[in-house]
PDB file of all heavy atoms in Angstrom:
ATOM      1  N   GLU A   1      39.525-103.677 -26.124  1.00  0.00           N
ATOM      2  CA  GLU A   1      38.406-104.174 -25.335  1.00  0.00           C
ATOM      3  C   GLU A   1      38.948-105.011 -24.175  1.00  0.00           C
ATOM      4  O   GLU A   1      39.842-105.837 -24.345  1.00  0.00           O
ATOM      5  CB  GLU A   1      37.480-105.024 -26.202  1.00  0.00           C
ATOM      6  CG  GLU A   1      36.705-104.233 -27.235  1.00  0.00           C
ATOM      7  CD  GLU A   1      35.754-105.099 -28.031  1.00  0.00           C
ATOM      8  OE1 GLU A   1      35.695-106.319 -27.767  1.00  0.00           O
ATOM      9  OE2 GLU A   1      35.070-104.570 -28.918  1.00  0.00           O
ATOM     10  N   GLY A   2      38.420-104.777 -22.988  1.00  0.00           N
ATOM     11  CA  GLY A   2      38.830-105.546 -21.818  1.00  0.00           C
ATOM     12  C   GLY A   2      40.018-104.981 -21.075  1.00  0.00           C
ATOM     13  O   GLY A   2      40.462-105.571 -20.092  1.00  0.00           O
ATOM     14  N   GLU A   3      40.543-103.841 -21.490  1.00  0.00           N
ATOM     15  CA  GLU A   3      41.643-103.213 -20.761  1.00  0.00           C
ATOM     16  C   GLU A   3      41.130-102.419 -19.562  1.00  0.00           C
ATOM     17  O   GLU A   3      40.005-101.911 -19.561  1.00  0.00           O
ATOM     18  CB  GLU A   3      42.441-102.276 -21.673  1.00  0.00           C
ATOM     19  CG  GLU A   3      43.483-102.957 -22.520  1.00  0.00           C
ATOM     20  CD  GLU A   3      44.518-101.981 -23.067  1.00  0.00           C
ATOM     21  OE1 GLU A   3      44.208-101.265 -24.030  1.00  0.00           O
ATOM     22  OE2 GLU A   3      45.643-101.956 -22.517  1.00  0.00           O
ATOM     23  N   PHE A   4      41.985-102.293 -18.558  1.00  0.00           N
ATOM     24  CA  PHE A   4      41.740-101.452 -17.385  1.00  0.00           C
ATOM     25  C   PHE A   4      42.810-100.375 -17.409  1.00  0.00           C
ATOM     26  O   PHE A   4      43.990-100.649 -17.190  1.00  0.00           O
ATOM     27  CB  PHE A   4      41.818-102.300 -16.118  1.00  0.00           C
ATOM     28  CG  PHE A   4      41.602-101.552 -14.836  1.00  0.00           C
ATOM     29  CD1 PHE A   4      41.063-100.275 -14.802  1.00  0.00           C
ATOM     30  CD2 PHE A   4      41.930-102.151 -13.625  1.00  0.00           C
ATOM     31  CE1 PHE A   4      40.863 -99.596 -13.610  1.00  0.00           C
ATOM     32  CE2 PHE A   4      41.734-101.488 -12.417  1.00  0.00           C
ATOM     33  CZ  PHE A   4      41.204-100.206 -12.411  1.00  0.00           C
ATOM     34  N   VAL A   5      42.395 -99.132 -17.693  1.00  0.00           N
ATOM     35  CA  VAL A   5      43.333 -98.046 -17.957  1.00  0.00           C
ATOM     36  C   VAL A   5      43.101 -96.900 -16.974  1.00  0.00           C
ATOM     37  O   VAL A   5      41.961 -96.497 -16.734  1.00  0.00           O
ATOM     38  CB  VAL A   5      43.167 -97.520 -19.397  1.00  0.00           C
ATOM     39  CG1 VAL A   5      44.118 -96.354 -19.663  1.00  0.00           C
ATOM     40  CG2 VAL A   5      43.405 -98.638 -20.405  1.00  0.00           C
ATOM     41  N   SER A   6      44.188 -96.372 -16.421  1.00  0.00           N
ATOM     42  CA  SER A   6      44.125 -95.158 -15.614  1.00  0.00           C
ATOM     43  C   SER A   6      44.666 -93.992 -16.427  1.00  0.00           C
ATOM     44  O   SER A   6      45.661 -94.135 -17.144  1.00  0.00           O
ATOM     45  CB  SER A   6      44.971 -95.298 -14.340  1.00  0.00           C
ATOM     46  OG  SER A   6      44.374 -96.191 -13.430  1.00  0.00           O
ATOM     47  N   ILE A   7      44.009 -92.850 -16.303  1.00  0.00           N
ATOM     48  CA  ILE A   7      44.502 -91.618 -16.907  1.00  0.00           C
ATOM     49  C   ILE A   7      44.913 -90.698 -15.769  1.00  0.00           C
ATOM     50  O   ILE A   7      44.101 -90.367 -14.897  1.00  0.00           O
ATOM     51  CB  ILE A   7      43.428 -90.948 -17.770  1.00  0.00           C
ATOM     52  CG1 ILE A   7      43.008 -91.893 -18.896  1.00  0.00           C
ATOM     53  CG2 ILE A   7      43.944 -89.639 -18.347  1.00  0.00           C
ATOM     54  CD1 ILE A   7      41.871 -91.368 -19.742  1.00  0.00           C
ATOM     55  N   MET A   8      46.177 -90.312 -15.758  1.00  0.00           N
ATOM     56  CA  MET A   8      46.713 -89.524 -14.652  1.00  0.00           C
ATOM     57  C   MET A   8      47.340 -88.237 -15.164  1.00  0.00           C
ATOM     58  O   MET A   8      47.779 -88.151 -16.310  1.00  0.00           O
ATOM     59  CB  MET A   8      47.732 -90.352 -13.862  1.00  0.00           C
ATOM     60  CG  MET A   8      47.118 -91.569 -13.191  1.00  0.00           C
ATOM     61  SD  MET A   8      48.339 -92.649 -12.394  1.00  0.00           S
ATOM     62  CE  MET A   8      49.081 -91.512 -11.254  1.00  0.00           C
ATOM     63  N   GLY A   9      47.381 -87.250 -14.278  1.00  0.00           N
ATOM     64  CA  GLY A   9      47.969 -85.972 -14.624  1.00  0.00           C
ATOM     65  C   GLY A   9      47.443 -84.903 -13.683  1.00  0.00           C
ATOM     66  O   GLY A   9      46.459 -85.109 -12.976  1.00  0.00           O
ATOM     67  N   PRO A  10      48.086 -83.743 -13.648  1.00  0.00           N
ATOM     68  CA  PRO A  10      47.666 -82.670 -12.748  1.00  0.00           C
ATOM     69  C   PRO A  10      46.327 -82.075 -13.164  1.00  0.00           C
ATOM     70  O   PRO A  10      45.828 -82.346 -14.262  1.00  0.00           O
ATOM     71  CB  PRO A  10      48.797 -81.644 -12.887  1.00  0.00           C
ATOM     72  CG  PRO A  10      49.351 -81.880 -14.261  1.00  0.00           C
ATOM     73  CD  PRO A  10      49.242 -83.362 -14.483  1.00  0.00           C
ATOM     74  N   SER A  11      45.746 -81.257 -12.303  1.00  0.00           N
ATOM     75  CA  SER A  11      44.522 -80.546 -12.653  1.00  0.00           C
ATOM     76  C   SER A  11      44.761 -79.699 -13.900  1.00  0.00           C
ATOM     77  O   SER A  11      45.799 -79.065 -14.044  1.00  0.00           O
ATOM     78  CB  SER A  11      44.082 -79.642 -11.501  1.00  0.00           C
ATOM     79  OG  SER A  11      43.751 -80.410 -10.364  1.00  0.00           O
ATOM     80  N   GLY A  12      43.797 -79.726 -14.810  1.00  0.00           N
ATOM     81  CA  GLY A  12      43.944 -78.985 -16.056  1.00  0.00           C
ATOM     82  C   GLY A  12      44.694 -79.729 -17.139  1.00  0.00           C
ATOM     83  O   GLY A  12      44.920 -79.180 -18.219  1.00  0.00           O
ATOM     84  N   ALA A  13      45.048 -80.989 -16.872  1.00  0.00           N
ATOM     85  CA  ALA A  13      45.814 -81.757 -17.858  1.00  0.00           C
ATOM     86  C   ALA A  13      44.971 -82.195 -19.047  1.00  0.00           C
ATOM     87  O   ALA A  13      45.501 -82.505 -20.113  1.00  0.00           O
ATOM     88  CB  ALA A  13      46.456 -82.977 -17.196  1.00  0.00           C
ATOM     89  N   GLY A  14      43.642 -82.260 -18.867  1.00  0.00           N
ATOM     90  CA  GLY A  14      42.764 -82.706 -19.948  1.00  0.00           C
ATOM     91  C   GLY A  14      42.060 -84.015 -19.671  1.00  0.00           C
ATOM     92  O   GLY A  14      41.381 -84.558 -20.558  1.00  0.00           O
ATOM     93  N   LYS A  15      42.197 -84.530 -18.446  1.00  0.00           N
ATOM     94  CA  LYS A  15      41.620 -85.843 -18.116  1.00  0.00           C
ATOM     95  C   LYS A  15      40.101 -85.859 -18.279  1.00  0.00           C
ATOM     96  O   LYS A  15      39.541 -86.741 -18.935  1.00  0.00           O
ATOM     97  CB  LYS A  15      42.003 -86.247 -16.685  1.00  0.00           C
ATOM     98  CG  LYS A  15      43.492 -86.307 -16.411  1.00  0.00           C
ATOM     99  CD  LYS A  15      43.797 -86.880 -15.034  1.00  0.00           C
ATOM    100  CE  LYS A  15      43.214 -86.074 -13.887  1.00  0.00           C
ATOM    101  NZ  LYS A  15      43.782 -84.692 -13.804  1.00  0.00           N
ATOM    102  N   THR A  16      39.435 -84.886 -17.662  1.00  0.00           N
ATOM    103  CA  THR A  16      37.973 -84.852 -17.727  1.00  0.00           C
ATOM    104  C   THR A  16      37.493 -84.597 -19.144  1.00  0.00           C
ATOM    105  O   THR A  16      36.520 -85.205 -19.605  1.00  0.00           O
ATOM    106  CB  THR A  16      37.420 -83.783 -16.772  1.00  0.00           C
ATOM    107  OG1 THR A  16      37.724 -84.162 -15.415  1.00  0.00           O
ATOM    108  CG2 THR A  16      35.909 -83.636 -16.923  1.00  0.00           C
ATOM    109  N   THR A  17      38.179 -83.718 -19.869  1.00  0.00           N
ATOM    110  CA  THR A  17      37.809 -83.449 -21.263  1.00  0.00           C
ATOM    111  C   THR A  17      37.881 -84.723 -22.088  1.00  0.00           C
ATOM    112  O   THR A  17      36.969 -85.021 -22.878  1.00  0.00           O
ATOM    113  CB  THR A  17      38.733 -82.383 -21.873  1.00  0.00           C
ATOM    114  OG1 THR A  17      38.594 -81.164 -21.135  1.00  0.00           O
ATOM    115  CG2 THR A  17      38.385 -82.135 -23.329  1.00  0.00           C
ATOM    116  N   LEU A  18      38.937 -85.488 -21.903  1.00  0.00           N
ATOM    117  CA  LEU A  18      39.089 -86.738 -22.648  1.00  0.00           C
ATOM    118  C   LEU A  18      37.982 -87.721 -22.298  1.00  0.00           C
ATOM    119  O   LEU A  18      37.365 -88.328 -23.190  1.00  0.00           O
ATOM    120  CB  LEU A  18      40.461 -87.354 -22.370  1.00  0.00           C
ATOM    121  CG  LEU A  18      40.764 -88.674 -23.097  1.00  0.00           C
ATOM    122  CD1 LEU A  18      40.646 -88.513 -24.609  1.00  0.00           C
ATOM    123  CD2 LEU A  18      42.151 -89.187 -22.724  1.00  0.00           C
ATOM    124  N   LEU A  19      37.680 -87.869 -21.009  1.00  0.00           N
ATOM    125  CA  LEU A  19      36.614 -88.793 -20.611  1.00  0.00           C
ATOM    126  C   LEU A  19      35.266 -88.344 -21.160  1.00  0.00           C
ATOM    127  O   LEU A  19      34.458 -89.177 -21.583  1.00  0.00           O
ATOM    128  CB  LEU A  19      36.538 -88.896 -19.086  1.00  0.00           C
ATOM    129  CG  LEU A  19      37.560 -89.779 -18.382  1.00  0.00           C
ATOM    130  CD1 LEU A  19      37.164 -89.974 -16.922  1.00  0.00           C
ATOM    131  CD2 LEU A  19      37.722 -91.134 -19.045  1.00  0.00           C
ATOM    132  N   ASN A  20      35.014 -87.047 -21.148  1.00  0.00           N
ATOM    133  CA  ASN A  20      33.741 -86.555 -21.674  1.00  0.00           C
ATOM    134  C   ASN A  20      33.585 -86.884 -23.158  1.00  0.00           C
ATOM    135  O   ASN A  20      32.491 -87.217 -23.628  1.00  0.00           O
ATOM    136  CB  ASN A  20      33.627 -85.044 -21.466  1.00  0.00           C
ATOM    137  CG  ASN A  20      33.343 -84.678 -20.027  1.00  0.00           C
ATOM    138  OD1 ASN A  20      32.938 -85.514 -19.217  1.00  0.00           O
ATOM    139  ND2 ASN A  20      33.548 -83.419 -19.696  1.00  0.00           N
ATOM    140  N   ILE A  21      34.676 -86.797 -23.902  1.00  0.00           N
ATOM    141  CA  ILE A  21      34.624 -87.138 -25.323  1.00  0.00           C
ATOM    142  C   ILE A  21      34.438 -88.637 -25.504  1.00  0.00           C
ATOM    143  O   ILE A  21      33.632 -89.089 -26.327  1.00  0.00           O
ATOM    144  CB  ILE A  21      35.881 -86.635 -26.050  1.00  0.00           C
ATOM    145  CG1 ILE A  21      35.865 -85.095 -26.120  1.00  0.00           C
ATOM    146  CG2 ILE A  21      35.977 -87.230 -27.455  1.00  0.00           C
ATOM    147  CD1 ILE A  21      37.129 -84.487 -26.688  1.00  0.00           C
ATOM    148  N   LEU A  22      35.154 -89.439 -24.706  1.00  0.00           N
ATOM    149  CA  LEU A  22      35.021 -90.893 -24.807  1.00  0.00           C
ATOM    150  C   LEU A  22      33.629 -91.362 -24.407  1.00  0.00           C
ATOM    151  O   LEU A  22      33.169 -92.415 -24.862  1.00  0.00           O
ATOM    152  CB  LEU A  22      36.070 -91.587 -23.930  1.00  0.00           C
ATOM    153  CG  LEU A  22      37.541 -91.325 -24.265  1.00  0.00           C
ATOM    154  CD1 LEU A  22      38.442 -92.205 -23.406  1.00  0.00           C
ATOM    155  CD2 LEU A  22      37.823 -91.565 -25.738  1.00  0.00           C
ATOM    156  N   GLY A  23      32.951 -90.574 -23.571  1.00  0.00           N
ATOM    157  CA  GLY A  23      31.618 -90.948 -23.103  1.00  0.00           C
ATOM    158  C   GLY A  23      30.492 -90.289 -23.870  1.00  0.00           C
ATOM    159  O   GLY A  23      29.341 -90.311 -23.413  1.00  0.00           O
ATOM    160  N   PHE A  24      30.780 -89.686 -25.027  1.00  0.00           N
ATOM    161  CA  PHE A  24      29.763 -89.061 -25.868  1.00  0.00           C
ATOM    162  C   PHE A  24      29.090 -87.873 -25.182  1.00  0.00           C
ATOM    163  O   PHE A  24      27.966 -87.497 -25.534  1.00  0.00           O
ATOM    164  CB  PHE A  24      28.690 -90.072 -26.290  1.00  0.00           C
ATOM    165  CG  PHE A  24      29.240 -91.263 -27.038  1.00  0.00           C
ATOM    166  CD1 PHE A  24      29.522 -92.447 -26.372  1.00  0.00           C
ATOM    167  CD2 PHE A  24      29.481 -91.199 -28.402  1.00  0.00           C
ATOM    168  CE1 PHE A  24      30.017 -93.546 -27.048  1.00  0.00           C
ATOM    169  CE2 PHE A  24      29.973 -92.292 -29.090  1.00  0.00           C
ATOM    170  CZ  PHE A  24      30.251 -93.468 -28.416  1.00  0.00           C
ATOM    171  N   LEU A  25      29.753 -87.276 -24.190  1.00  0.00           N
ATOM    172  CA  LEU A  25      29.222 -86.078 -23.549  1.00  0.00           C
ATOM    173  C   LEU A  25      29.709 -84.807 -24.245  1.00  0.00           C
ATOM    174  O   LEU A  25      29.153 -83.724 -24.044  1.00  0.00           O
ATOM    175  CB  LEU A  25      29.640 -86.038 -22.076  1.00  0.00           C
ATOM    176  CG  LEU A  25      28.994 -87.077 -21.162  1.00  0.00           C
ATOM    177  CD1 LEU A  25      29.652 -87.047 -19.785  1.00  0.00           C
ATOM    178  CD2 LEU A  25      27.500 -86.839 -21.038  1.00  0.00           C
ATOM    179  N   ASP A  26      30.750 -84.939 -25.046  1.00  0.00           N
ATOM    180  CA  ASP A  26      31.314 -83.801 -25.770  1.00  0.00           C
ATOM    181  C   ASP A  26      31.877 -84.315 -27.087  1.00  0.00           C
ATOM    182  O   ASP A  26      32.100 -85.522 -27.255  1.00  0.00           O
ATOM    183  CB  ASP A  26      32.415 -83.141 -24.926  1.00  0.00           C
ATOM    184  CG  ASP A  26      32.716 -81.712 -25.350  1.00  0.00           C
ATOM    185  OD1 ASP A  26      32.107 -81.253 -26.344  1.00  0.00           O
ATOM    186  OD2 ASP A  26      33.554 -81.063 -24.692  1.00  0.00           O
ATOM    187  N   LYS A  27      32.089 -83.405 -28.017  1.00  0.00           N
ATOM    188  CA  LYS A  27      32.650 -83.773 -29.308  1.00  0.00           C
ATOM    189  C   LYS A  27      34.018 -83.117 -29.475  1.00  0.00           C
ATOM    190  O   LYS A  27      34.237 -82.005 -28.997  1.00  0.00           O
ATOM    191  CB  LYS A  27      31.725 -83.331 -30.439  1.00  0.00           C
ATOM    192  CG  LYS A  27      30.398 -84.066 -30.484  1.00  0.00           C
ATOM    193  CD  LYS A  27      29.570 -83.622 -31.684  1.00  0.00           C
ATOM    194  CE  LYS A  27      28.257 -84.372 -31.760  1.00  0.00           C
ATOM    195  NZ  LYS A  27      27.463 -83.973 -32.946  1.00  0.00           N
ATOM    196  N   PRO A  28      34.935 -83.786 -30.172  1.00  0.00           N
ATOM    197  CA  PRO A  28      36.245 -83.170 -30.407  1.00  0.00           C
ATOM    198  C   PRO A  28      36.140 -82.040 -31.426  1.00  0.00           C
ATOM    199  O   PRO A  28      35.189 -81.970 -32.207  1.00  0.00           O
ATOM    200  CB  PRO A  28      37.071 -84.336 -30.960  1.00  0.00           C
ATOM    201  CG  PRO A  28      36.068 -85.224 -31.614  1.00  0.00           C
ATOM    202  CD  PRO A  28      34.823 -85.125 -30.775  1.00  0.00           C
ATOM    203  N   SER A  29      37.133 -81.160 -31.404  1.00  0.00           N
ATOM    204  CA  SER A  29      37.189 -80.081 -32.398  1.00  0.00           C
ATOM    205  C   SER A  29      37.744 -80.581 -33.721  1.00  0.00           C
ATOM    206  O   SER A  29      37.368 -80.088 -34.792  1.00  0.00           O
ATOM    207  CB  SER A  29      38.055 -78.935 -31.863  1.00  0.00           C
ATOM    208  OG  SER A  29      37.524 -78.435 -30.657  1.00  0.00           O
ATOM    209  N   SER A  30      38.641 -81.561 -33.654  1.00  0.00           N
ATOM    210  CA  SER A  30      39.203 -82.150 -34.870  1.00  0.00           C
ATOM    211  C   SER A  30      39.842 -83.483 -34.518  1.00  0.00           C
ATOM    212  O   SER A  30      39.991 -83.833 -33.347  1.00  0.00           O
ATOM    213  CB  SER A  30      40.239 -81.214 -35.512  1.00  0.00           C
ATOM    214  OG  SER A  30      41.332 -80.996 -34.632  1.00  0.00           O
ATOM    215  N   GLY A  31      40.230 -84.229 -35.536  1.00  0.00           N
ATOM    216  CA  GLY A  31      40.850 -85.531 -35.331  1.00  0.00           C
ATOM    217  C   GLY A  31      39.879 -86.657 -35.615  1.00  0.00           C
ATOM    218  O   GLY A  31      38.675 -86.450 -35.789  1.00  0.00           O
ATOM    219  N   ASP A  32      40.405 -87.878 -35.665  1.00  0.00           N
ATOM    220  CA  ASP A  32      39.604 -89.073 -35.905  1.00  0.00           C
ATOM    221  C   ASP A  32      39.318 -89.770 -34.585  1.00  0.00           C
ATOM    222  O   ASP A  32      40.174 -89.820 -33.694  1.00  0.00           O
ATOM    223  CB  ASP A  32      40.351 -90.035 -36.836  1.00  0.00           C
ATOM    224  CG  ASP A  32      40.578 -89.427 -38.218  1.00  0.00           C
ATOM    225  OD1 ASP A  32      39.657 -88.739 -38.707  1.00  0.00           O
ATOM    226  OD2 ASP A  32      41.660 -89.642 -38.785  1.00  0.00           O
ATOM    227  N   LEU A  33      38.113 -90.338 -34.474  1.00  0.00           N
ATOM    228  CA  LEU A  33      37.677 -90.913 -33.208  1.00  0.00           C
ATOM    229  C   LEU A  33      36.728 -92.067 -33.454  1.00  0.00           C
ATOM    230  O   LEU A  33      35.789 -91.959 -34.254  1.00  0.00           O
ATOM    231  CB  LEU A  33      36.983 -89.827 -32.379  1.00  0.00           C
ATOM    232  CG  LEU A  33      36.331 -90.210 -31.052  1.00  0.00           C
ATOM    233  CD1 LEU A  33      37.380 -90.734 -30.082  1.00  0.00           C
ATOM    234  CD2 LEU A  33      35.618 -89.003 -30.457  1.00  0.00           C
ATOM    235  N   ASN A  34      36.975 -93.176 -32.785  1.00  0.00           N
ATOM    236  CA  ASN A  34      36.060 -94.311 -32.818  1.00  0.00           C
ATOM    237  C   ASN A  34      35.947 -94.874 -31.403  1.00  0.00           C
ATOM    238  O   ASN A  34      36.948 -95.257 -30.804  1.00  0.00           O
ATOM    239  CB  ASN A  34      36.557 -95.384 -33.786  1.00  0.00           C
ATOM    240  CG  ASN A  34      35.517 -96.468 -34.011  1.00  0.00           C
ATOM    241  OD1 ASN A  34      35.183 -97.220 -33.112  1.00  0.00           O
ATOM    242  ND2 ASN A  34      35.007 -96.559 -35.228  1.00  0.00           N
ATOM    243  N   ILE A  35      34.732 -94.872 -30.895  1.00  0.00           N
ATOM    244  CA  ILE A  35      34.480 -95.378 -29.541  1.00  0.00           C
ATOM    245  C   ILE A  35      33.447 -96.484 -29.634  1.00  0.00           C
ATOM    246  O   ILE A  35      32.320 -96.250 -30.092  1.00  0.00           O
ATOM    247  CB  ILE A  35      33.956 -94.263 -28.619  1.00  0.00           C
ATOM    248  CG1 ILE A  35      34.877 -93.042 -28.651  1.00  0.00           C
ATOM    249  CG2 ILE A  35      33.822 -94.770 -27.190  1.00  0.00           C
ATOM    250  CD1 ILE A  35      34.244 -91.798 -28.095  1.00  0.00           C
TER     251      ILE A  35
END
């Protein structure tokens, strides 16, 4: 809590997918997650 984080990488790296999951816009296929 309170961190300022940048996610960087080329197009297709997974940045938008990760943000969508963190923002409850999408669900992961597997793994543990707490937001």
